[in-house]
Amino acid sequence: MKSQKYTFTLTIFSAVFLSFILTSFAQNLTVRNAHSMVYDSKNNAVLLFGGADEKQVYGDLWKLNKNAWEIIKTSGSPEPRTFASLAYDEEGQRIILFGGNSVLFGSEKNPAKMFGDTWEFKDGKWKKLEINPAPEPRAEAAIAYDALEKRIVLFGGYKLVNGKIVKLNDTWELKGNRWKKLNESYISPRNGAALAFDEKLKKTVLFGGSTPDKEYGEETGETWLLNGGAWQRLQTKQPANIFNSNMVFDRKSKQTFRFGGWNGTERINETWVFKNRTWNKVSFQTNPPARNHSSMVYDSVNKRIVLFGGHNGEKIFGDLWIFEKGKWSKKFEHTPIKRLANGH
């Protein structure tokens, strides 16, 4: 009888322990690419939404807690997606999410679907905003918060027409709960452009992107500045054109940083700074490995740049890198996972 009681107790313990392990595993952020990150200045938090690992696409939300990701449990969340446009609205003290793709690339068995929905995350809750007019469904659109005009700026991306990719060059601003299309731009259609608001210049800066004429643009990239409602091309020495790089404004050094991306031949791990209307490549003893489909934000409280995830074509990363005090350093890493050709 005592032996049976002991066996029964052990069985319960084993079941509880297994349940704990499975729950922990299900809520463990390992690797991601095509995810979106944002810095929530109200709550002083780095947040990550969605993206894909080697198996599937997600619609989850995570918070960076020191050297680990902690899941934020929410209800009524946006559908799982990749390449969603995510920005923090300082005026409204909320996170805005727009669009994205139901998969990474799509296939006949798992076709892509473009989203055109606008979501707000505020006070721990997601809310879908019904706004009309609004940008048409798209993925890989560039987005940034313009602190001078107190607006969110959205540019370009790509949509699907009869299953074929069509690149866009329209510019929209979001103020309150109203999308407004700005004047037609002279920028050629593109997706995967880098966008950031330069607080020193007091202008939104756009660089690079994948254009329709030459898949990844010219050998020399383009830098554009948004002045009010019009884009102005910056005539200065330009770096090589890059697609899917990350760009943020560093409030401490008062300059815009850009890292990584794809140059049409290979993924790179270069760091560039944009200051005084000029681009300069910066070299360091240690750099994050080359990648694209990663995400990067500026952490205002800790005065540092935070980079996470992406892939190098073969493996998806789960590493977190910090740029502070003039150097890159890796804080933690999940073992890279082989990238599968499954439409994700």
Foldseek 3Di string as FASTA:
>chain_A
DVVVVVVVVVVVVVVVVVVVVVVVVVFADAFFFLKEWEQQPVVLWIKIAWGDAQPATGGWMWTDDQLGIGTQDAPPTDQTFGQWEWYAQPVVSWIKTAKGWRFDFADPVGGIDIGGWIWIADPSYIDTADEPPGDDTFGQWEWEAQPVVSWIKTAWGWDADPNDTDIGGWMWIDDDRYIDTFDGAPDAGFGQWEWEQQPVVSWIKIKFGQHDVHRGDDQFIWIWTQDPRYIDTQPDGGHGHFGQWYWYAQPVVSWIKIAWGDRPPFIDGWIWIQDPNDIDTDDDPDTDHGFGSKYWYARVVVRWIWIAWGDGVFWTWGWIWIQDPHHIDTSDTRPTDTRDPDRD
